[in-house]
Amino acid sequence: MAAAAPAGLLFGVTPVTATAGGGLSAMVADLRNLVTAIADSGVDPSGVVFVAAPAQAVSLKLLSGPNFDYGIAAANITPGTVIAVVNSASW
């Protein structure tokens, strides 16, 4: 009998659909929707870190400005991808 594998990182996570149209307003809407989904699930969103493909991470860092309170990290993931991750200290 094969051993059961543990649930993956995204097990039980409902994906947030990307905003159509692209551009800055779509990016803003996408980030807002990710943080809203986290908050709506009862998790404090103050510890959110956005993990993005390198091109998206650079864009986020350049466009976010000094009042952007969330972390941004680049990772070798599918181009165009941005994932919101919550620091476990926020739970």
N, C-alpha and C. Protein backbone atom coordinates (compact mmCIF):
# COMPACT_ATOMS: atom_id res chain seq x y z
N MET A 1 0.85 -1.18 0.00
CA MET A 1 0.00 0.00 0.00
C MET A 1 0.89 1.24 0.00
N ALA A 2 0.60 2.15 -0.91
CA ALA A 2 1.39 3.37 -1.02
C ALA A 2 1.06 4.34 0.10
N ALA A 3 2.08 5.03 0.58
CA ALA A 3 1.87 6.04 1.63
C ALA A 3 1.15 7.25 1.03
N ALA A 4 0.28 7.83 1.81
CA ALA A 4 -0.43 9.03 1.36
C ALA A 4 0.52 10.22 1.41
N ALA A 5 0.49 11.04 0.40
CA ALA A 5 1.32 12.24 0.36
C ALA A 5 0.62 13.35 1.14
N PRO A 6 1.39 14.21 1.79
CA PRO A 6 0.75 15.34 2.50
C PRO A 6 0.12 16.31 1.50
N ALA A 7 -0.81 17.07 1.98
CA ALA A 7 -1.47 18.07 1.14
C ALA A 7 -0.44 19.09 0.66
N GLY A 8 -0.60 19.58 -0.53
CA GLY A 8 0.31 20.57 -1.09
C GLY A 8 0.06 21.96 -0.51
N LEU A 9 0.96 22.86 -0.82
CA LEU A 9 0.91 24.23 -0.32
C LEU A 9 -0.41 24.92 -0.65
N LEU A 10 -0.97 24.63 -1.81
CA LEU A 10 -2.19 25.31 -2.24
C LEU A 10 -3.45 24.49 -2.01
N PHE A 11 -3.35 23.39 -1.23
CA PHE A 11 -4.51 22.56 -0.94
C PHE A 11 -5.58 23.39 -0.25
N GLY A 12 -6.78 23.38 -0.78
CA GLY A 12 -7.91 24.09 -0.17
C GLY A 12 -7.95 25.58 -0.47
N VAL A 13 -7.00 26.08 -1.25
CA VAL A 13 -6.95 27.51 -1.57
C VAL A 13 -7.81 27.78 -2.79
N THR A 14 -8.66 28.77 -2.69
CA THR A 14 -9.48 29.18 -3.82
C THR A 14 -8.69 30.20 -4.62
N PRO A 15 -8.41 29.93 -5.90
CA PRO A 15 -7.65 30.90 -6.69
C PRO A 15 -8.43 32.18 -6.91
N VAL A 16 -7.70 33.28 -7.01
CA VAL A 16 -8.29 34.58 -7.31
C VAL A 16 -8.05 34.83 -8.80
N THR A 17 -9.11 35.07 -9.54
CA THR A 17 -9.01 35.29 -10.97
C THR A 17 -8.35 36.63 -11.27
N ALA A 18 -7.42 36.62 -12.21
CA ALA A 18 -6.74 37.85 -12.60
C ALA A 18 -7.72 38.81 -13.27
N THR A 19 -7.49 40.10 -13.06
CA THR A 19 -8.31 41.14 -13.67
C THR A 19 -7.95 41.27 -15.15
N ALA A 20 -8.95 41.32 -15.98
CA ALA A 20 -8.73 41.43 -17.43
C ALA A 20 -8.18 42.80 -17.81
N GLY A 21 -7.47 42.85 -18.89
CA GLY A 21 -7.04 44.12 -19.45
C GLY A 21 -5.57 44.45 -19.23
N GLY A 22 -4.98 43.90 -18.20
CA GLY A 22 -3.57 44.19 -17.93
C GLY A 22 -3.35 45.62 -17.52
N GLY A 23 -2.11 46.00 -17.40
CA GLY A 23 -1.76 47.36 -17.03
C GLY A 23 -1.81 47.60 -15.53
N LEU A 24 -1.51 48.83 -15.18
CA LEU A 24 -1.41 49.22 -13.78
C LEU A 24 -2.72 49.04 -13.01
N SER A 25 -3.83 49.44 -13.60
CA SER A 25 -5.10 49.33 -12.88
C SER A 25 -5.47 47.87 -12.63
N ALA A 26 -5.15 46.98 -13.56
CA ALA A 26 -5.41 45.55 -13.36
C ALA A 26 -4.51 45.00 -12.25
N MET A 27 -3.24 45.42 -12.24
CA MET A 27 -2.33 44.97 -11.19
C MET A 27 -2.82 45.41 -9.82
N VAL A 28 -3.24 46.65 -9.71
CA VAL A 28 -3.76 47.17 -8.44
C VAL A 28 -4.97 46.36 -8.00
N ALA A 29 -5.89 46.10 -8.93
CA ALA A 29 -7.08 45.32 -8.61
C ALA A 29 -6.71 43.90 -8.19
N ASP A 30 -5.74 43.28 -8.86
CA ASP A 30 -5.33 41.93 -8.51
C ASP A 30 -4.74 41.86 -7.10
N LEU A 31 -3.86 42.79 -6.76
CA LEU A 31 -3.26 42.80 -5.42
C LEU A 31 -4.32 43.06 -4.36
N ARG A 32 -5.22 43.99 -4.65
CA ARG A 32 -6.31 44.27 -3.72
C ARG A 32 -7.18 43.04 -3.51
N ASN A 33 -7.48 42.31 -4.60
CA ASN A 33 -8.31 41.11 -4.49
C ASN A 33 -7.61 40.00 -3.69
N LEU A 34 -6.29 39.87 -3.86
CA LEU A 34 -5.55 38.87 -3.09
C LEU A 34 -5.59 39.18 -1.59
N VAL A 35 -5.33 40.44 -1.23
CA VAL A 35 -5.35 40.83 0.18
C VAL A 35 -6.76 40.72 0.75
N THR A 36 -7.76 41.10 -0.02
CA THR A 36 -9.14 40.98 0.44
C THR A 36 -9.52 39.53 0.69
N ALA A 37 -9.10 38.62 -0.18
CA ALA A 37 -9.40 37.20 0.01
C ALA A 37 -8.76 36.67 1.29
N ILE A 38 -7.55 37.12 1.58
CA ILE A 38 -6.87 36.70 2.81
C ILE A 38 -7.62 37.23 4.02
N ALA A 39 -7.96 38.51 3.99
CA ALA A 39 -8.68 39.11 5.11
C ALA A 39 -10.05 38.48 5.30
N ASP A 40 -10.74 38.20 4.20
CA ASP A 40 -12.07 37.59 4.28
C ASP A 40 -12.03 36.18 4.86
N SER A 41 -10.87 35.53 4.79
CA SER A 41 -10.74 34.19 5.36
C SER A 41 -10.43 34.23 6.85
N GLY A 42 -10.34 35.43 7.41
CA GLY A 42 -10.11 35.57 8.84
C GLY A 42 -8.64 35.66 9.23
N VAL A 43 -7.75 35.82 8.24
CA VAL A 43 -6.32 35.93 8.52
C VAL A 43 -5.92 37.40 8.44
N ASP A 44 -5.13 37.84 9.41
CA ASP A 44 -4.63 39.21 9.43
C ASP A 44 -3.75 39.43 8.21
N PRO A 45 -4.10 40.34 7.31
CA PRO A 45 -3.33 40.53 6.08
C PRO A 45 -2.07 41.38 6.26
N SER A 46 -1.79 41.83 7.46
CA SER A 46 -0.64 42.72 7.64
C SER A 46 0.69 42.02 7.37
N GLY A 47 0.72 40.70 7.41
CA GLY A 47 1.95 39.97 7.15
C GLY A 47 2.08 39.45 5.74
N VAL A 48 1.27 39.95 4.81
CA VAL A 48 1.30 39.46 3.44
C VAL A 48 2.63 39.81 2.77
N VAL A 49 3.15 38.84 2.04
CA VAL A 49 4.29 39.05 1.15
C VAL A 49 3.85 38.58 -0.23
N PHE A 50 4.08 39.41 -1.22
CA PHE A 50 3.75 39.02 -2.59
C PHE A 50 4.97 38.35 -3.21
N VAL A 51 4.80 37.11 -3.64
CA VAL A 51 5.86 36.37 -4.31
C VAL A 51 5.51 36.40 -5.80
N ALA A 52 6.44 36.87 -6.60
CA ALA A 52 6.14 37.08 -8.01
C ALA A 52 7.28 36.59 -8.89
N ALA A 53 6.93 36.30 -10.14
CA ALA A 53 7.96 36.03 -11.13
C ALA A 53 8.86 37.27 -11.20
N PRO A 54 10.13 37.10 -11.56
CA PRO A 54 11.07 38.24 -11.51
C PRO A 54 10.59 39.52 -12.20
N ALA A 55 10.03 39.42 -13.38
CA ALA A 55 9.57 40.63 -14.08
C ALA A 55 8.46 41.33 -13.30
N GLN A 56 7.53 40.55 -12.75
CA GLN A 56 6.44 41.15 -11.98
C GLN A 56 6.97 41.72 -10.66
N ALA A 57 7.93 41.05 -10.05
CA ALA A 57 8.49 41.56 -8.79
C ALA A 57 9.17 42.91 -9.01
N VAL A 58 9.93 43.04 -10.08
CA VAL A 58 10.58 44.32 -10.38
C VAL A 58 9.53 45.40 -10.62
N SER A 59 8.51 45.08 -11.39
CA SER A 59 7.44 46.06 -11.64
C SER A 59 6.76 46.48 -10.35
N LEU A 60 6.45 45.51 -9.50
CA LEU A 60 5.81 45.83 -8.22
C LEU A 60 6.69 46.75 -7.38
N LYS A 61 7.98 46.43 -7.31
CA LYS A 61 8.90 47.24 -6.51
C LYS A 61 9.03 48.66 -7.06
N LEU A 62 9.09 48.78 -8.38
CA LEU A 62 9.24 50.10 -8.99
C LEU A 62 7.98 50.94 -8.87
N LEU A 63 6.82 50.30 -8.93
CA LEU A 63 5.55 51.04 -8.95
C LEU A 63 4.89 51.20 -7.58
N SER A 64 5.34 50.43 -6.59
CA SER A 64 4.60 50.41 -5.32
C SER A 64 4.74 51.67 -4.50
N GLY A 65 5.85 52.34 -4.52
CA GLY A 65 6.01 53.58 -3.76
C GLY A 65 6.33 53.34 -2.30
N PRO A 66 6.68 54.40 -1.60
CA PRO A 66 7.16 54.28 -0.21
C PRO A 66 6.08 53.91 0.81
N ASN A 67 4.82 54.04 0.47
CA ASN A 67 3.75 53.73 1.43
C ASN A 67 3.20 52.32 1.28
N PHE A 68 3.79 51.52 0.40
CA PHE A 68 3.35 50.14 0.20
C PHE A 68 3.88 49.33 1.38
N ASP A 69 2.98 48.79 2.18
CA ASP A 69 3.34 48.14 3.45
C ASP A 69 3.60 46.65 3.35
N TYR A 70 3.59 46.09 2.17
CA TYR A 70 3.75 44.64 2.02
C TYR A 70 5.10 44.30 1.42
N GLY A 71 5.60 43.13 1.76
CA GLY A 71 6.86 42.66 1.20
C GLY A 71 6.66 42.16 -0.23
N ILE A 72 7.74 42.21 -1.00
CA ILE A 72 7.74 41.70 -2.37
C ILE A 72 8.98 40.85 -2.55
N ALA A 73 8.80 39.63 -3.02
CA ALA A 73 9.92 38.73 -3.24
C ALA A 73 9.84 38.14 -4.64
N ALA A 74 10.99 38.03 -5.30
CA ALA A 74 11.05 37.40 -6.62
C ALA A 74 11.33 35.91 -6.45
N ALA A 75 10.74 35.10 -7.30
CA ALA A 75 10.96 33.66 -7.28
C ALA A 75 10.91 33.13 -8.70
N ASN A 76 11.54 32.02 -8.91
CA ASN A 76 11.56 31.39 -10.23
C ASN A 76 10.25 30.62 -10.42
N ILE A 77 9.18 31.37 -10.68
CA ILE A 77 7.85 30.79 -10.90
C ILE A 77 7.37 31.20 -12.29
N THR A 78 6.25 30.69 -12.69
CA THR A 78 5.71 30.96 -14.03
C THR A 78 5.63 32.47 -14.29
N PRO A 79 6.19 32.94 -15.42
CA PRO A 79 6.11 34.37 -15.75
C PRO A 79 4.66 34.87 -15.69
N GLY A 80 4.49 36.04 -15.12
CA GLY A 80 3.17 36.63 -14.98
C GLY A 80 2.47 36.27 -13.69
N THR A 81 3.09 35.41 -12.90
CA THR A 81 2.46 34.92 -11.68
C THR A 81 2.78 35.81 -10.49
N VAL A 82 1.77 36.07 -9.67
CA VAL A 82 1.95 36.73 -8.38
C VAL A 82 1.14 35.94 -7.37
N ILE A 83 1.77 35.58 -6.28
CA ILE A 83 1.13 34.81 -5.22
C ILE A 83 1.22 35.63 -3.94
N ALA A 84 0.15 35.68 -3.18
CA ALA A 84 0.17 36.35 -1.87
C ALA A 84 0.38 35.29 -0.81
N VAL A 85 1.40 35.47 0.00
CA VAL A 85 1.73 34.53 1.06
C VAL A 85 1.63 35.29 2.38
N VAL A 86 1.11 34.63 3.42
CA VAL A 86 0.96 35.26 4.71
C VAL A 86 2.00 34.72 5.67
N ASN A 87 2.70 35.61 6.33
CA ASN A 87 3.63 35.23 7.37
C ASN A 87 2.87 34.51 8.48
N SER A 88 3.37 33.37 8.92
CA SER A 88 2.64 32.59 9.93
C SER A 88 2.48 33.34 11.23
N ALA A 89 3.29 34.36 11.49
CA ALA A 89 3.13 35.15 12.71
C ALA A 89 1.83 35.97 12.69
N SER A 90 1.24 36.12 11.51
CA SER A 90 0.00 36.89 11.37
C SER A 90 -1.24 36.07 11.70
N TRP A 91 -1.10 34.75 11.87
CA TRP A 91 -2.26 33.90 12.10
C TRP A 91 -2.72 33.98 13.51
